[in-house]
């Protein structure tokens, strides 16, 4: 596991970024899944807005 992936906040941000990209592409179901994963790893106000 890389250093950035061992930090829950950073791992959460990776899923949040992926979710944002998927949402922009119109892939809503996959985006929702990634938002949920992000929130489960490390809940943030930013992820809760989507």
C-alpha atoms as a PDB file:
ATOM      1  CA  UNK A   1       0.000   0.000   0.000  1.00  0.00           C
ATOM      2  CA  UNK A   2       1.417   3.399  -0.917  1.00  0.00           C
ATOM      3  CA  UNK A   3       1.748   6.176   1.618  1.00  0.00           C
ATOM      4  CA  UNK A   4      -1.169   8.181   0.184  1.00  0.00           C
ATOM      5  CA  UNK A   5      -3.446   5.133   0.239  1.00  0.00           C
ATOM      6  CA  UNK A   6      -2.670   4.433   3.887  1.00  0.00           C
ATOM      7  CA  UNK A   7      -4.150   7.804   4.877  1.00  0.00           C
ATOM      8  CA  UNK A   8      -7.956   7.500   5.068  1.00  0.00           C
ATOM      9  CA  UNK A   9      -8.520  11.127   4.090  1.00  0.00           C
ATOM     10  CA  UNK A  10      -6.348  10.821   0.983  1.00  0.00           C
ATOM     11  CA  UNK A  11      -7.956   7.499   0.027  1.00  0.00           C
ATOM     12  CA  UNK A  12     -11.375   9.097   0.453  1.00  0.00           C
ATOM     13  CA  UNK A  13     -10.363  11.984  -1.802  1.00  0.00           C
ATOM     14  CA  UNK A  14      -9.301   9.549  -4.535  1.00  0.00           C
ATOM     15  CA  UNK A  15     -12.821   8.068  -4.595  1.00  0.00           C
ATOM     16  CA  UNK A  16     -14.379  11.532  -4.402  1.00  0.00           C
ATOM     17  CA  UNK A  17     -12.366  12.710  -7.409  1.00  0.00           C
ATOM     18  CA  UNK A  18     -13.342   9.590  -9.358  1.00  0.00           C
ATOM     19  CA  UNK A  19     -16.999  10.130  -8.415  1.00  0.00           C
ATOM     20  CA  UNK A  20     -16.866  13.717  -9.652  1.00  0.00           C
ATOM     21  CA  UNK A  21     -15.380  12.606 -12.966  1.00  0.00           C
ATOM     22  CA  UNK A  22     -18.007   9.906 -13.396  1.00  0.00           C
ATOM     23  CA  UNK A  23     -20.808  12.347 -12.592  1.00  0.00           C
ATOM     24  CA  UNK A  24     -19.573  14.765 -15.239  1.00  0.00           C
ATOM     25  CA  UNK A  25     -19.560  11.894 -17.777  1.00  0.00           C
ATOM     26  CA  UNK A  26     -23.157  11.062 -16.873  1.00  0.00           C
ATOM     27  CA  UNK A  27     -22.275   7.740 -15.253  1.00  0.00           C
ATOM     28  CA  UNK A  28     -24.471   8.440 -12.248  1.00  0.00           C
ATOM     29  CA  UNK A  29     -24.837   4.990 -10.708  1.00  0.00           C
ATOM     30  CA  UNK A  30     -21.081   4.409 -10.657  1.00  0.00           C
ATOM     31  CA  UNK A  31     -20.568   7.965  -9.365  1.00  0.00           C
ATOM     32  CA  UNK A  32     -22.985   7.329  -6.488  1.00  0.00           C
ATOM     33  CA  UNK A  33     -21.114   4.152  -5.581  1.00  0.00           C
ATOM     34  CA  UNK A  34     -17.819   6.064  -5.460  1.00  0.00           C
ATOM     35  CA  UNK A  35     -19.346   8.863  -3.365  1.00  0.00           C
ATOM     36  CA  UNK A  36     -20.592   6.233  -0.898  1.00  0.00           C
ATOM     37  CA  UNK A  37     -17.192   4.544  -0.731  1.00  0.00           C
ATOM     38  CA  UNK A  38     -15.552   7.916  -0.141  1.00  0.00           C
ATOM     39  CA  UNK A  39     -17.977   8.687   2.689  1.00  0.00           C
ATOM     40  CA  UNK A  40     -17.472   5.266   4.276  1.00  0.00           C
ATOM     41  CA  UNK A  41     -13.700   5.683   4.303  1.00  0.00           C
ATOM     42  CA  UNK A  42     -13.645   9.250   5.636  1.00  0.00           C
ATOM     43  CA  UNK A  43     -16.819  11.350   5.798  1.00  0.00           C
ATOM     44  CA  UNK A  44     -16.271  14.904   4.556  1.00  0.00           C
ATOM     45  CA  UNK A  45     -18.611  17.834   4.084  1.00  0.00           C
ATOM     46  CA  UNK A  46     -17.553  18.038   0.433  1.00  0.00           C
ATOM     47  CA  UNK A  47     -18.615  14.448  -0.300  1.00  0.00           C
ATOM     48  CA  UNK A  48     -21.923  14.942   1.526  1.00  0.00           C
ATOM     49  CA  UNK A  49     -22.900  17.743  -0.876  1.00  0.00           C
ATOM     50  CA  UNK A  50     -23.261  15.326  -3.800  1.00  0.00           C
END
